[in-house]
Amino acid sequence: MSFEKEEPEIQPSVIESASTVNDDWDVAEERRLIRKVDFYVLPLLLIAFFFLCLDRSNISNALTDHFKTDLGITTAQATLGNQLQQAGIIIFELPAIWASQLRLRVDTIIRVDPQGQSE
């Protein structure tokens, strides 16, 4: 009885199809694409992340600045509200991601998703 693992034999056609490289790209086109992503997509992601962090820090600052006594709520109620907000973001964000993969129009997703998160 041997404990050595046998390597499966790989068909040559599998190796050829896996190593096929698209030679249509040149270095200049790739640099333009990377520059476009850097200048258009990354700032949008940074702005979205900034607002997410701003929202979380606003809740924390409000709780330390007598927010609960002003509204007459307990710590448990404030925590529950924060958890419900995060749950709403998660519940409505996943269908938005799936909808974008189904090739739905982005303007429809952008209009519907924040409405669901604000409910």
PDB file of N, CA and C in Angstrom:
ATOM      1  N   MET A   1       0.846  -1.179   0.000  1.00  0.00           N
ATOM      2  CA  MET A   1       0.000   0.000   0.000  1.00  0.00           C
ATOM      3  C   MET A   1       0.886   1.235   0.000  1.00  0.00           C
ATOM      4  N   SER A   2       0.693   2.086  -0.969  1.00  0.00           N
ATOM      5  CA  SER A   2       1.517   3.276  -1.115  1.00  0.00           C
ATOM      6  C   SER A   2       0.726   4.506  -0.688  1.00  0.00           C
ATOM      7  N   PHE A   3       1.403   5.392   0.033  1.00  0.00           N
ATOM      8  CA  PHE A   3       0.763   6.628   0.480  1.00  0.00           C
ATOM      9  C   PHE A   3       1.037   7.801  -0.451  1.00  0.00           C
ATOM     10  N   GLU A   4       1.758   7.546  -1.505  1.00  0.00           N
ATOM     11  CA  GLU A   4       2.067   8.617  -2.441  1.00  0.00           C
ATOM     12  C   GLU A   4       0.845   8.922  -3.299  1.00  0.00           C
ATOM     13  N   LYS A   5       0.663  10.181  -3.536  1.00  0.00           N
ATOM     14  CA  LYS A   5      -0.487  10.629  -4.318  1.00  0.00           C
ATOM     15  C   LYS A   5      -0.138  10.575  -5.800  1.00  0.00           C
ATOM     16  N   GLU A   6      -1.007   9.956  -6.566  1.00  0.00           N
ATOM     17  CA  GLU A   6      -0.769   9.883  -7.998  1.00  0.00           C
ATOM     18  C   GLU A   6      -1.245  11.169  -8.658  1.00  0.00           C
ATOM     19  N   GLU A   7      -0.434  11.710  -9.519  1.00  0.00           N
ATOM     20  CA  GLU A   7      -0.781  12.929 -10.244  1.00  0.00           C
ATOM     21  C   GLU A   7      -1.694  12.575 -11.411  1.00  0.00           C
ATOM     22  N   PRO A   8      -2.818  13.268 -11.561  1.00  0.00           N
ATOM     23  CA  PRO A   8      -3.686  12.982 -12.706  1.00  0.00           C
ATOM     24  C   PRO A   8      -3.037  13.454 -14.001  1.00  0.00           C
ATOM     25  N   GLU A   9      -3.281  12.707 -15.050  1.00  0.00           N
ATOM     26  CA  GLU A   9      -2.713  13.064 -16.338  1.00  0.00           C
ATOM     27  C   GLU A   9      -3.542  14.180 -16.964  1.00  0.00           C
ATOM     28  N   ILE A  10      -2.879  15.235 -17.380  1.00  0.00           N
ATOM     29  CA  ILE A  10      -3.564  16.382 -17.971  1.00  0.00           C
ATOM     30  C   ILE A  10      -3.488  16.265 -19.483  1.00  0.00           C
ATOM     31  N   GLN A  11      -4.627  16.413 -20.121  1.00  0.00           N
ATOM     32  CA  GLN A  11      -4.699  16.325 -21.570  1.00  0.00           C
ATOM     33  C   GLN A  11      -4.014  17.546 -22.192  1.00  0.00           C
ATOM     34  N   PRO A  12      -3.318  17.383 -23.305  1.00  0.00           N
ATOM     35  CA  PRO A  12      -2.646  18.517 -23.947  1.00  0.00           C
ATOM     36  C   PRO A  12      -3.606  19.626 -24.374  1.00  0.00           C
ATOM     37  N   SER A  13      -4.827  19.286 -24.756  1.00  0.00           N
ATOM     38  CA  SER A  13      -5.763  20.322 -25.194  1.00  0.00           C
ATOM     39  C   SER A  13      -6.143  21.252 -24.043  1.00  0.00           C
ATOM     40  N   VAL A  14      -6.189  20.716 -22.816  1.00  0.00           N
ATOM     41  CA  VAL A  14      -6.502  21.543 -21.652  1.00  0.00           C
ATOM     42  C   VAL A  14      -5.377  22.533 -21.399  1.00  0.00           C
ATOM     43  N   ILE A  15      -4.149  22.083 -21.526  1.00  0.00           N
ATOM     44  CA  ILE A  15      -3.002  22.960 -21.306  1.00  0.00           C
ATOM     45  C   ILE A  15      -2.969  24.062 -22.356  1.00  0.00           C
ATOM     46  N   GLU A  16      -3.239  23.721 -23.605  1.00  0.00           N
ATOM     47  CA  GLU A  16      -3.207  24.725 -24.664  1.00  0.00           C
ATOM     48  C   GLU A  16      -4.288  25.779 -24.476  1.00  0.00           C
ATOM     49  N   SER A  17      -5.493  25.366 -24.091  1.00  0.00           N
ATOM     50  CA  SER A  17      -6.564  26.350 -23.930  1.00  0.00           C
ATOM     51  C   SER A  17      -6.346  27.213 -22.694  1.00  0.00           C
ATOM     52  N   ALA A  18      -5.700  26.668 -21.662  1.00  0.00           N
ATOM     53  CA  ALA A  18      -5.463  27.449 -20.449  1.00  0.00           C
ATOM     54  C   ALA A  18      -4.340  28.452 -20.644  1.00  0.00           C
ATOM     55  N   SER A  19      -3.431  28.174 -21.558  1.00  0.00           N
ATOM     56  CA  SER A  19      -2.301  29.072 -21.736  1.00  0.00           C
ATOM     57  C   SER A  19      -2.486  30.039 -22.897  1.00  0.00           C
ATOM     58  N   THR A  20      -3.667  30.093 -23.466  1.00  0.00           N
ATOM     59  CA  THR A  20      -3.919  31.014 -24.564  1.00  0.00           C
ATOM     60  C   THR A  20      -3.982  32.437 -24.026  1.00  0.00           C
ATOM     61  N   VAL A  21      -3.223  33.309 -24.608  1.00  0.00           N
ATOM     62  CA  VAL A  21      -3.172  34.699 -24.170  1.00  0.00           C
ATOM     63  C   VAL A  21      -3.695  35.571 -25.295  1.00  0.00           C
ATOM     64  N   ASN A  22      -4.485  36.555 -24.923  1.00  0.00           N
ATOM     65  CA  ASN A  22      -5.005  37.485 -25.913  1.00  0.00           C
ATOM     66  C   ASN A  22      -3.885  38.449 -26.296  1.00  0.00           C
ATOM     67  N   ASP A  23      -3.407  38.335 -27.518  1.00  0.00           N
ATOM     68  CA  ASP A  23      -2.301  39.171 -27.972  1.00  0.00           C
ATOM     69  C   ASP A  23      -2.771  40.490 -28.568  1.00  0.00           C
ATOM     70  N   ASP A  24      -4.080  40.779 -28.498  1.00  0.00           N
ATOM     71  CA  ASP A  24      -4.594  42.016 -29.069  1.00  0.00           C
ATOM     72  C   ASP A  24      -4.227  43.234 -28.232  1.00  0.00           C
ATOM     73  N   TRP A  25      -3.900  43.054 -26.969  1.00  0.00           N
ATOM     74  CA  TRP A  25      -3.558  44.170 -26.088  1.00  0.00           C
ATOM     75  C   TRP A  25      -2.093  44.536 -26.274  1.00  0.00           C
ATOM     76  N   ASP A  26      -1.827  45.808 -26.335  1.00  0.00           N
ATOM     77  CA  ASP A  26      -0.439  46.232 -26.263  1.00  0.00           C
ATOM     78  C   ASP A  26      -0.260  47.017 -24.963  1.00  0.00           C
ATOM     79  N   VAL A  27       0.945  47.393 -24.669  1.00  0.00           N
ATOM     80  CA  VAL A  27       1.262  48.035 -23.395  1.00  0.00           C
ATOM     81  C   VAL A  27       0.566  49.385 -23.264  1.00  0.00           C
ATOM     82  N   ALA A  28       0.487  50.140 -24.328  1.00  0.00           N
ATOM     83  CA  ALA A  28      -0.150  51.460 -24.273  1.00  0.00           C
ATOM     84  C   ALA A  28      -1.644  51.348 -23.967  1.00  0.00           C
ATOM     85  N   GLU A  29      -2.319  50.377 -24.581  1.00  0.00           N
ATOM     86  CA  GLU A  29      -3.752  50.192 -24.308  1.00  0.00           C
ATOM     87  C   GLU A  29      -3.988  49.761 -22.868  1.00  0.00           C
ATOM     88  N   GLU A  30      -3.123  48.914 -22.369  1.00  0.00           N
ATOM     89  CA  GLU A  30      -3.273  48.469 -20.988  1.00  0.00           C
ATOM     90  C   GLU A  30      -3.060  49.629 -20.017  1.00  0.00           C
ATOM     91  N   ARG A  31      -2.091  50.472 -20.290  1.00  0.00           N
ATOM     92  CA  ARG A  31      -1.856  51.647 -19.433  1.00  0.00           C
ATOM     93  C   ARG A  31      -3.039  52.606 -19.467  1.00  0.00           C
ATOM     94  N   ARG A  32      -3.639  52.797 -20.655  1.00  0.00           N
ATOM     95  CA  ARG A  32      -4.821  53.665 -20.747  1.00  0.00           C
ATOM     96  C   ARG A  32      -5.984  53.100 -19.945  1.00  0.00           C
ATOM     97  N   LEU A  33      -6.168  51.797 -20.008  1.00  0.00           N
ATOM     98  CA  LEU A  33      -7.246  51.169 -19.246  1.00  0.00           C
ATOM     99  C   LEU A  33      -7.011  51.300 -17.742  1.00  0.00           C
ATOM    100  N   ILE A  34      -5.802  51.054 -17.308  1.00  0.00           N
ATOM    101  CA  ILE A  34      -5.489  51.189 -15.884  1.00  0.00           C
ATOM    102  C   ILE A  34      -5.661  52.629 -15.433  1.00  0.00           C
ATOM    103  N   ARG A  35      -5.241  53.575 -16.254  1.00  0.00           N
ATOM    104  CA  ARG A  35      -5.401  54.993 -15.913  1.00  0.00           C
ATOM    105  C   ARG A  35      -6.881  55.361 -15.821  1.00  0.00           C
ATOM    106  N   LYS A  36      -7.686  54.838 -16.743  1.00  0.00           N
ATOM    107  CA  LYS A  36      -9.126  55.114 -16.718  1.00  0.00           C
ATOM    108  C   LYS A  36      -9.754  54.558 -15.441  1.00  0.00           C
ATOM    109  N   VAL A  37      -9.374  53.347 -15.073  1.00  0.00           N
ATOM    110  CA  VAL A  37      -9.892  52.760 -13.830  1.00  0.00           C
ATOM    111  C   VAL A  37      -9.433  53.579 -12.633  1.00  0.00           C
ATOM    112  N   ASP A  38      -8.171  53.978 -12.636  1.00  0.00           N
ATOM    113  CA  ASP A  38      -7.649  54.758 -11.513  1.00  0.00           C
ATOM    114  C   ASP A  38      -8.358  56.094 -11.365  1.00  0.00           C
ATOM    115  N   PHE A  39      -8.660  56.758 -12.459  1.00  0.00           N
ATOM    116  CA  PHE A  39      -9.236  58.103 -12.378  1.00  0.00           C
ATOM    117  C   PHE A  39     -10.755  58.128 -12.266  1.00  0.00           C
ATOM    118  N   TYR A  40     -11.434  57.072 -12.678  1.00  0.00           N
ATOM    119  CA  TYR A  40     -12.897  57.089 -12.647  1.00  0.00           C
ATOM    120  C   TYR A  40     -13.491  56.189 -11.569  1.00  0.00           C
ATOM    121  N   VAL A  41     -13.022  54.973 -11.474  1.00  0.00           N
ATOM    122  CA  VAL A  41     -13.646  54.012 -10.567  1.00  0.00           C
ATOM    123  C   VAL A  41     -13.158  54.181  -9.131  1.00  0.00           C
ATOM    124  N   LEU A  42     -11.866  54.309  -8.932  1.00  0.00           N
ATOM    125  CA  LEU A  42     -11.341  54.389  -7.576  1.00  0.00           C
ATOM    126  C   LEU A  42     -11.843  55.598  -6.793  1.00  0.00           C
ATOM    127  N   PRO A  43     -11.940  56.795  -7.375  1.00  0.00           N
ATOM    128  CA  PRO A  43     -12.516  57.901  -6.590  1.00  0.00           C
ATOM    129  C   PRO A  43     -13.961  57.649  -6.166  1.00  0.00           C
ATOM    130  N   LEU A  44     -14.746  56.998  -7.020  1.00  0.00           N
ATOM    131  CA  LEU A  44     -16.119  56.668  -6.634  1.00  0.00           C
ATOM    132  C   LEU A  44     -16.143  55.689  -5.467  1.00  0.00           C
ATOM    133  N   LEU A  45     -15.261  54.718  -5.494  1.00  0.00           N
ATOM    134  CA  LEU A  45     -15.191  53.773  -4.384  1.00  0.00           C
ATOM    135  C   LEU A  45     -14.738  54.454  -3.102  1.00  0.00           C
ATOM    136  N   LEU A  46     -13.789  55.358  -3.205  1.00  0.00           N
ATOM    137  CA  LEU A  46     -13.325  56.080  -2.023  1.00  0.00           C
ATOM    138  C   LEU A  46     -14.420  56.962  -1.439  1.00  0.00           C
ATOM    139  N   ILE A  47     -15.194  57.612  -2.284  1.00  0.00           N
ATOM    140  CA  ILE A  47     -16.296  58.457  -1.804  1.00  0.00           C
ATOM    141  C   ILE A  47     -17.353  57.600  -1.111  1.00  0.00           C
ATOM    142  N   ALA A  48     -17.682  56.459  -1.687  1.00  0.00           N
ATOM    143  CA  ALA A  48     -18.675  55.574  -1.070  1.00  0.00           C
ATOM    144  C   ALA A  48     -18.181  55.064   0.279  1.00  0.00           C
ATOM    145  N   PHE A  49     -16.920  54.688   0.356  1.00  0.00           N
ATOM    146  CA  PHE A  49     -16.366  54.217   1.626  1.00  0.00           C
ATOM    147  C   PHE A  49     -16.323  55.343   2.650  1.00  0.00           C
ATOM    148  N   PHE A  50     -16.022  56.561   2.213  1.00  0.00           N
ATOM    149  CA  PHE A  50     -16.003  57.711   3.113  1.00  0.00           C
ATOM    150  C   PHE A  50     -17.377  57.931   3.737  1.00  0.00           C
ATOM    151  N   PHE A  51     -18.432  57.881   2.922  1.00  0.00           N
ATOM    152  CA  PHE A  51     -19.770  58.102   3.458  1.00  0.00           C
ATOM    153  C   PHE A  51     -20.205  56.968   4.384  1.00  0.00           C
ATOM    154  N   LEU A  52     -19.769  55.752   4.112  1.00  0.00           N
ATOM    155  CA  LEU A  52     -20.080  54.650   5.011  1.00  0.00           C
ATOM    156  C   LEU A  52     -19.409  54.871   6.365  1.00  0.00           C
ATOM    157  N   CYS A  53     -18.141  55.260   6.350  1.00  0.00           N
ATOM    158  CA  CYS A  53     -17.438  55.539   7.609  1.00  0.00           C
ATOM    159  C   CYS A  53     -18.017  56.763   8.304  1.00  0.00           C
ATOM    160  N   LEU A  54     -18.415  57.773   7.542  1.00  0.00           N
ATOM    161  CA  LEU A  54     -19.008  58.972   8.127  1.00  0.00           C
ATOM    162  C   LEU A  54     -20.305  58.634   8.844  1.00  0.00           C
ATOM    163  N   ASP A  55     -21.107  57.775   8.251  1.00  0.00           N
ATOM    164  CA  ASP A  55     -22.362  57.366   8.864  1.00  0.00           C
ATOM    165  C   ASP A  55     -22.110  56.647  10.180  1.00  0.00           C
ATOM    166  N   ARG A  56     -21.159  55.748  10.182  1.00  0.00           N
ATOM    167  CA  ARG A  56     -20.846  55.008  11.411  1.00  0.00           C
ATOM    168  C   ARG A  56     -20.281  55.928  12.484  1.00  0.00           C
ATOM    169  N   SER A  57     -19.424  56.845  12.113  1.00  0.00           N
ATOM    170  CA  SER A  57     -18.845  57.737  13.120  1.00  0.00           C
ATOM    171  C   SER A  57     -19.880  58.725  13.640  1.00  0.00           C
ATOM    172  N   ASN A  58     -20.834  59.141  12.810  1.00  0.00           N
ATOM    173  CA  ASN A  58     -21.887  60.035  13.287  1.00  0.00           C
ATOM    174  C   ASN A  58     -22.734  59.367  14.354  1.00  0.00           C
ATOM    175  N   ILE A  59     -23.034  58.104  14.180  1.00  0.00           N
ATOM    176  CA  ILE A  59     -23.809  57.381  15.192  1.00  0.00           C
ATOM    177  C   ILE A  59     -23.012  57.288  16.486  1.00  0.00           C
ATOM    178  N   SER A  60     -21.733  56.986  16.384  1.00  0.00           N
ATOM    179  CA  SER A  60     -20.902  56.886  17.586  1.00  0.00           C
ATOM    180  C   SER A  60     -20.793  58.226  18.297  1.00  0.00           C
ATOM    181  N   ASN A  61     -20.584  59.291  17.537  1.00  0.00           N
ATOM    182  CA  ASN A  61     -20.485  60.618  18.149  1.00  0.00           C
ATOM    183  C   ASN A  61     -21.798  61.039  18.787  1.00  0.00           C
ATOM    184  N   ALA A  62     -22.902  60.721  18.153  1.00  0.00           N
ATOM    185  CA  ALA A  62     -24.203  61.088  18.713  1.00  0.00           C
ATOM    186  C   ALA A  62     -24.465  60.340  20.014  1.00  0.00           C
ATOM    187  N   LEU A  63     -24.055  59.083  20.082  1.00  0.00           N
ATOM    188  CA  LEU A  63     -24.281  58.314  21.307  1.00  0.00           C
ATOM    189  C   LEU A  63     -23.446  58.837  22.467  1.00  0.00           C
ATOM    190  N   THR A  64     -22.271  59.361  22.206  1.00  0.00           N
ATOM    191  CA  THR A  64     -21.444  59.900  23.287  1.00  0.00           C
ATOM    192  C   THR A  64     -21.837  61.321  23.661  1.00  0.00           C
ATOM    193  N   ASP A  65     -22.671  61.956  22.878  1.00  0.00           N
ATOM    194  CA  ASP A  65     -23.043  63.351  23.129  1.00  0.00           C
ATOM    195  C   ASP A  65     -24.500  63.465  23.588  1.00  0.00           C
ATOM    196  N   HIS A  66     -24.900  62.620  24.525  1.00  0.00           N
ATOM    197  CA  HIS A  66     -26.222  62.677  25.160  1.00  0.00           C
ATOM    198  C   HIS A  66     -27.367  62.492  24.167  1.00  0.00           C
ATOM    199  N   PHE A  67     -27.149  61.746  23.121  1.00  0.00           N
ATOM    200  CA  PHE A  67     -28.190  61.480  22.123  1.00  0.00           C
ATOM    201  C   PHE A  67     -29.329  60.661  22.718  1.00  0.00           C
ATOM    202  N   LYS A  68     -28.948  59.676  23.535  1.00  0.00           N
ATOM    203  CA  LYS A  68     -29.961  58.790  24.120  1.00  0.00           C
ATOM    204  C   LYS A  68     -30.866  59.540  25.092  1.00  0.00           C
ATOM    205  N   THR A  69     -30.289  60.418  25.890  1.00  0.00           N
ATOM    206  CA  THR A  69     -31.122  61.157  26.852  1.00  0.00           C
ATOM    207  C   THR A  69     -32.001  62.179  26.149  1.00  0.00           C
ATOM    208  N   ASP A  70     -31.504  62.765  25.061  1.00  0.00           N
ATOM    209  CA  ASP A  70     -32.316  63.729  24.314  1.00  0.00           C
ATOM    210  C   ASP A  70     -33.546  63.062  23.698  1.00  0.00           C
ATOM    211  N   LEU A  71     -33.387  61.836  23.215  1.00  0.00           N
ATOM    212  CA  LEU A  71     -34.504  61.128  22.593  1.00  0.00           C
ATOM    213  C   LEU A  71     -35.291  60.273  23.575  1.00  0.00           C
ATOM    214  N   GLY A  72     -34.732  60.070  24.762  1.00  0.00           N
ATOM    215  CA  GLY A  72     -35.411  59.252  25.756  1.00  0.00           C
ATOM    216  C   GLY A  72     -35.384  57.775  25.431  1.00  0.00           C
ATOM    217  N   ILE A  73     -34.262  57.297  24.877  1.00  0.00           N
ATOM    218  CA  ILE A  73     -34.135  55.877  24.548  1.00  0.00           C
ATOM    219  C   ILE A  73     -33.027  55.265  25.389  1.00  0.00           C
ATOM    220  N   THR A  74     -33.034  53.943  25.466  1.00  0.00           N
ATOM    221  CA  THR A  74     -32.004  53.236  26.220  1.00  0.00           C
ATOM    222  C   THR A  74     -30.859  52.851  25.286  1.00  0.00           C
ATOM    223  N   THR A  75     -29.779  52.355  25.892  1.00  0.00           N
ATOM    224  CA  THR A  75     -28.638  51.899  25.094  1.00  0.00           C
ATOM    225  C   THR A  75     -29.037  50.719  24.211  1.00  0.00           C
ATOM    226  N   ALA A  76     -29.878  49.840  24.734  1.00  0.00           N
ATOM    227  CA  ALA A  76     -30.318  48.680  23.949  1.00  0.00           C
ATOM    228  C   ALA A  76     -31.111  49.119  22.722  1.00  0.00           C
ATOM    229  N   GLN A  77     -31.943  50.144  22.866  1.00  0.00           N
ATOM    230  CA  GLN A  77     -32.720  50.630  21.723  1.00  0.00           C
ATOM    231  C   GLN A  77     -31.818  51.293  20.683  1.00  0.00           C
ATOM    232  N   ALA A  78     -30.812  52.032  21.140  1.00  0.00           N
ATOM    233  CA  ALA A  78     -29.877  52.657  20.199  1.00  0.00           C
ATOM    234  C   ALA A  78     -29.071  51.595  19.454  1.00  0.00           C
ATOM    235  N   THR A  79     -28.660  50.554  20.174  1.00  0.00           N
ATOM    236  CA  THR A  79     -27.920  49.463  19.542  1.00  0.00           C
ATOM    237  C   THR A  79     -28.797  48.718  18.542  1.00  0.00           C
ATOM    238  N   LEU A  80     -30.053  48.491  18.916  1.00  0.00           N
ATOM    239  CA  LEU A  80     -30.982  47.823  18.005  1.00  0.00           C
ATOM    240  C   LEU A  80     -31.183  48.640  16.730  1.00  0.00           C
ATOM    241  N   GLY A  81     -31.310  49.945  16.859  1.00  0.00           N
ATOM    242  CA  GLY A  81     -31.457  50.800  15.680  1.00  0.00           C
ATOM    243  C   GLY A  81     -30.246  50.735  14.768  1.00  0.00           C
ATOM    244  N   ASN A  82     -29.060  50.723  15.365  1.00  0.00           N
ATOM    245  CA  ASN A  82     -27.836  50.625  14.576  1.00  0.00           C
ATOM    246  C   ASN A  82     -27.756  49.274  13.876  1.00  0.00           C
ATOM    247  N   GLN A  83     -28.122  48.206  14.569  1.00  0.00           N
ATOM    248  CA  GLN A  83     -28.084  46.877  13.965  1.00  0.00           C
ATOM    249  C   GLN A  83     -29.109  46.741  12.847  1.00  0.00           C
ATOM    250  N   LEU A  84     -30.284  47.324  13.026  1.00  0.00           N
ATOM    251  CA  LEU A  84     -31.298  47.270  11.968  1.00  0.00           C
ATOM    252  C   LEU A  84     -30.847  48.040  10.727  1.00  0.00           C
ATOM    253  N   GLN A  85     -30.143  49.146  10.940  1.00  0.00           N
ATOM    254  CA  GLN A  85     -29.626  49.897   9.797  1.00  0.00           C
ATOM    255  C   GLN A  85     -28.599  49.062   9.036  1.00  0.00           C
ATOM    256  N   GLN A  86     -27.680  48.429   9.746  1.00  0.00           N
ATOM    257  CA  GLN A  86     -26.678  47.596   9.090  1.00  0.00           C
ATOM    258  C   GLN A  86     -27.326  46.395   8.401  1.00  0.00           C
ATOM    259  N   ALA A  87     -28.342  45.809   9.025  1.00  0.00           N
ATOM    260  CA  ALA A  87     -29.047  44.684   8.401  1.00  0.00           C
ATOM    261  C   ALA A  87     -29.744  45.128   7.118  1.00  0.00           C
ATOM    262  N   GLY A  88     -30.331  46.324   7.131  1.00  0.00           N
ATOM    263  CA  GLY A  88     -30.966  46.847   5.920  1.00  0.00           C
ATOM    264  C   GLY A  88     -29.973  47.050   4.795  1.00  0.00           C
ATOM    265  N   ILE A  89     -28.796  47.526   5.138  1.00  0.00           N
ATOM    266  CA  ILE A  89     -27.759  47.710   4.117  1.00  0.00           C
ATOM    267  C   ILE A  89     -27.375  46.361   3.523  1.00  0.00           C
ATOM    268  N   ILE A  90     -27.169  45.366   4.371  1.00  0.00           N
ATOM    269  CA  ILE A  90     -26.762  44.046   3.883  1.00  0.00           C
ATOM    270  C   ILE A  90     -27.874  43.394   3.066  1.00  0.00           C
ATOM    271  N   ILE A  91     -29.111  43.466   3.575  1.00  0.00           N
ATOM    272  CA  ILE A  91     -30.231  42.802   2.893  1.00  0.00           C
ATOM    273  C   ILE A  91     -30.478  43.398   1.512  1.00  0.00           C
ATOM    274  N   PHE A  92     -30.367  44.706   1.375  1.00  0.00           N
ATOM    275  CA  PHE A  92     -30.659  45.323   0.085  1.00  0.00           C
ATOM    276  C   PHE A  92     -29.430  45.432  -0.812  1.00  0.00           C
ATOM    277  N   GLU A  93     -28.244  45.278  -0.247  1.00  0.00           N
ATOM    278  CA  GLU A  93     -27.047  45.379  -1.072  1.00  0.00           C
ATOM    279  C   GLU A  93     -26.807  44.095  -1.861  1.00  0.00           C
ATOM    280  N   LEU A  94     -27.041  42.943  -1.267  1.00  0.00           N
ATOM    281  CA  LEU A  94     -26.822  41.681  -1.978  1.00  0.00           C
ATOM    282  C   LEU A  94     -27.705  41.546  -3.214  1.00  0.00           C
ATOM    283  N   PRO A  95     -29.019  41.822  -3.140  1.00  0.00           N
ATOM    284  CA  PRO A  95     -29.807  41.766  -4.380  1.00  0.00           C
ATOM    285  C   PRO A  95     -29.349  42.782  -5.426  1.00  0.00           C
ATOM    286  N   ALA A  96     -28.838  43.919  -4.992  1.00  0.00           N
ATOM    287  CA  ALA A  96     -28.341  44.900  -5.957  1.00  0.00           C
ATOM    288  C   ALA A  96     -27.110  44.366  -6.684  1.00  0.00           C
ATOM    289  N   ILE A  97     -26.256  43.672  -5.967  1.00  0.00           N
ATOM    290  CA  ILE A  97     -25.076  43.077  -6.599  1.00  0.00           C
ATOM    291  C   ILE A  97     -25.505  41.989  -7.580  1.00  0.00           C
ATOM    292  N   TRP A  98     -26.442  41.142  -7.160  1.00  0.00           N
ATOM    293  CA  TRP A  98     -26.929  40.085  -8.056  1.00  0.00           C
ATOM    294  C   TRP A  98     -27.625  40.677  -9.273  1.00  0.00           C
ATOM    295  N   ALA A  99     -28.387  41.743  -9.075  1.00  0.00           N
ATOM    296  CA  ALA A  99     -29.080  42.372 -10.202  1.00  0.00           C
ATOM    297  C   ALA A  99     -28.080  42.958 -11.190  1.00  0.00           C
ATOM    298  N   SER A 100     -26.978  43.489 -10.686  1.00  0.00           N
ATOM    299  CA  SER A 100     -25.980  44.040 -11.600  1.00  0.00           C
ATOM    300  C   SER A 100     -25.304  42.936 -12.401  1.00  0.00           C
ATOM    301  N   GLN A 101     -25.225  41.740 -11.846  1.00  0.00           N
ATOM    302  CA  GLN A 101     -24.654  40.618 -12.588  1.00  0.00           C
ATOM    303  C   GLN A 101     -25.625  40.070 -13.627  1.00  0.00           C
ATOM    304  N   LEU A 102     -26.918  40.346 -13.459  1.00  0.00           N
ATOM    305  CA  LEU A 102     -27.918  39.897 -14.426  1.00  0.00           C
ATOM    306  C   LEU A 102     -28.067  40.871 -15.589  1.00  0.00           C
ATOM    307  N   ARG A 103     -27.228  41.860 -15.630  1.00  0.00           N
ATOM    308  CA  ARG A 103     -27.206  42.843 -16.708  1.00  0.00           C
ATOM    309  C   ARG A 103     -28.437  43.745 -16.703  1.00  0.00           C
ATOM    310  N   LEU A 104     -28.963  44.035 -15.522  1.00  0.00           N
ATOM    311  CA  LEU A 104     -30.031  45.017 -15.430  1.00  0.00           C
ATOM    312  C   LEU A 104     -29.437  46.405 -15.582  1.00  0.00           C
ATOM    313  N   ARG A 105     -30.270  47.347 -15.913  1.00  0.00           N
ATOM    314  CA  ARG A 105     -29.771  48.706 -16.113  1.00  0.00           C
ATOM    315  C   ARG A 105     -29.304  49.284 -14.789  1.00  0.00           C
ATOM    316  N   VAL A 106     -28.151  49.910 -14.820  1.00  0.00           N
ATOM    317  CA  VAL A 106     -27.550  50.445 -13.605  1.00  0.00           C
ATOM    318  C   VAL A 106     -28.388  51.574 -13.027  1.00  0.00           C
ATOM    319  N   ASP A 107     -28.997  52.396 -13.870  1.00  0.00           N
ATOM    320  CA  ASP A 107     -29.790  53.504 -13.334  1.00  0.00           C
ATOM    321  C   ASP A 107     -30.994  52.996 -12.545  1.00  0.00           C
ATOM    322  N   THR A 108     -31.535  51.855 -12.907  1.00  0.00           N
ATOM    323  CA  THR A 108     -32.638  51.261 -12.140  1.00  0.00           C
ATOM    324  C   THR A 108     -32.146  50.770 -10.788  1.00  0.00           C
ATOM    325  N   ILE A 109     -31.004  50.120 -10.776  1.00  0.00           N
ATOM    326  CA  ILE A 109     -30.448  49.601  -9.528  1.00  0.00           C
ATOM    327  C   ILE A 109     -30.113  50.749  -8.585  1.00  0.00           C
ATOM    328  N   ILE A 110     -29.543  51.819  -9.115  1.00  0.00           N
ATOM    329  CA  ILE A 110     -29.157  52.951  -8.275  1.00  0.00           C
ATOM    330  C   ILE A 110     -30.383  53.641  -7.695  1.00  0.00           C
ATOM    331  N   ARG A 111     -31.481  53.688  -8.436  1.00  0.00           N
ATOM    332  CA  ARG A 111     -32.703  54.314  -7.913  1.00  0.00           C
ATOM    333  C   ARG A 111     -33.375  53.457  -6.858  1.00  0.00           C
ATOM    334  N   VAL A 112     -33.392  52.144  -7.045  1.00  0.00           N
ATOM    335  CA  VAL A 112     -34.142  51.258  -6.157  1.00  0.00           C
ATOM    336  C   VAL A 112     -33.358  50.923  -4.890  1.00  0.00           C
ATOM    337  N   ASP A 113     -32.067  50.702  -4.985  1.00  0.00           N
ATOM    338  CA  ASP A 113     -31.277  50.235  -3.847  1.00  0.00           C
ATOM    339  C   ASP A 113     -31.278  51.207  -2.666  1.00  0.00           C
ATOM    340  N   PRO A 114     -30.985  52.496  -2.843  1.00  0.00           N
ATOM    341  CA  PRO A 114     -31.025  53.389  -1.673  1.00  0.00           C
ATOM    342  C   PRO A 114     -32.417  53.519  -1.071  1.00  0.00           C
ATOM    343  N   GLN A 115     -33.461  53.367  -1.883  1.00  0.00           N
ATOM    344  CA  GLN A 115     -34.815  53.430  -1.343  1.00  0.00           C
ATOM    345  C   GLN A 115     -35.052  52.278  -0.377  1.00  0.00           C
ATOM    346  N   GLY A 116     -34.564  51.116  -0.709  1.00  0.00           N
ATOM    347  CA  GLY A 116     -34.727  49.976   0.181  1.00  0.00           C
ATOM    348  C   GLY A 116     -33.897  50.105   1.440  1.00  0.00           C
ATOM    349  N   GLN A 117     -32.708  50.685   1.324  1.00  0.00           N
ATOM    350  CA  GLN A 117     -31.861  50.841   2.497  1.00  0.00           C
ATOM    351  C   GLN A 117     -32.399  51.890   3.449  1.00  0.00           C
ATOM    352  N   SER A 118     -33.151  52.851   2.950  1.00  0.00           N
ATOM    353  CA  SER A 118     -33.642  53.909   3.828  1.00  0.00           C
ATOM    354  C   SER A 118     -34.909  53.502   4.554  1.00  0.00           C
ATOM    355  N   GLU A 119     -35.521  52.409   4.126  1.00  0.00           N
ATOM    356  CA  GLU A 119     -36.791  51.982   4.749  1.00  0.00           C
ATOM    357  C   GLU A 119     -36.582  51.444   6.115  1.00  0.00           C
TER     358      GLU A 119
END
